[in-house]
């Protein structure tokens, strides 16, 4: 996970193909992964919200 966060080698398309979890932009993917890393290995108390539960930026209902 550290390598992935450091190198940012995966795109949202790569991530979707591997996990079937959709992110709208690479920066959102990496922010989520950093939050997840902080939850597992750092001092974050709660897991990050699943991206499936978060509407895309600029979403209009």
Protein backbone atom coordinates (compact mmCIF):
# COMPACT_ATOMS: atom_id res chain seq x y z
CA UNK A 1 0.00 0.00 0.00
CA UNK A 2 2.89 2.36 0.74
CA UNK A 3 4.27 1.77 -2.75
CA UNK A 4 0.89 2.45 -4.33
CA UNK A 5 0.47 5.68 -2.35
CA UNK A 6 4.02 6.81 -3.13
CA UNK A 7 4.06 5.95 -6.84
CA UNK A 8 0.37 6.58 -7.62
CA UNK A 9 0.71 3.96 -10.33
CA UNK A 10 -2.96 2.90 -10.51
CA UNK A 11 -5.68 4.86 -12.27
CA UNK A 12 -9.35 4.87 -11.37
CA UNK A 13 -9.88 2.55 -14.33
CA UNK A 14 -7.26 0.11 -13.01
CA UNK A 15 -8.82 0.21 -9.55
CA UNK A 16 -12.31 -0.41 -10.92
CA UNK A 17 -11.10 -3.35 -12.98
CA UNK A 18 -9.52 -4.91 -9.88
CA UNK A 19 -12.17 -4.12 -7.28
CA UNK A 20 -15.35 -3.02 -9.09
CA UNK A 21 -15.31 0.09 -6.88
CA UNK A 22 -15.69 3.33 -8.81
CA UNK A 23 -13.90 6.59 -8.11
CA UNK A 24 -14.53 9.71 -10.15
CA UNK A 25 -10.95 11.01 -10.18
CA UNK A 26 -7.50 9.71 -9.32
CA UNK A 27 -7.10 12.24 -6.51
CA UNK A 28 -10.26 10.87 -4.85
CA UNK A 29 -8.91 7.33 -5.13
CA UNK A 30 -5.63 8.26 -3.51
CA UNK A 31 -7.29 10.32 -0.77
CA UNK A 32 -9.41 7.26 0.06
CA UNK A 33 -6.39 4.96 0.02
CA UNK A 34 -4.49 7.33 2.32
CA UNK A 35 -7.45 7.39 4.71
CA UNK A 36 -7.62 3.61 4.59
CA UNK A 37 -3.89 3.33 5.25
CA UNK A 38 -4.22 5.72 8.20
CA UNK A 39 -7.08 3.59 9.56
CA UNK A 40 -5.11 0.33 9.32
CA UNK A 41 -1.66 1.58 10.27
CA UNK A 42 -2.08 5.06 11.70
CA UNK A 43 -4.25 6.80 14.23
CA UNK A 44 -7.48 7.15 12.26
CA UNK A 45 -10.30 5.91 14.50
CA UNK A 46 -13.03 5.28 11.90
CA UNK A 47 -12.78 3.64 8.49
CA UNK A 48 -13.22 5.98 5.53
CA UNK A 49 -16.60 6.15 3.83
CA UNK A 50 -17.05 3.71 1.01
CA UNK A 51 -16.81 5.53 -2.31
CA UNK A 52 -20.04 3.82 -3.34
CA UNK A 53 -21.77 5.86 -0.63
CA UNK A 54 -20.33 9.20 -1.71
CA UNK A 55 -21.85 11.00 -4.70
CA UNK A 56 -19.48 12.27 -7.37
CA UNK A 57 -18.18 15.82 -7.11
CA UNK A 58 -20.63 18.39 -8.47
CA UNK A 59 -23.46 15.82 -8.21
CA UNK A 60 -26.92 17.31 -8.61
CA UNK A 61 -29.81 15.23 -7.31
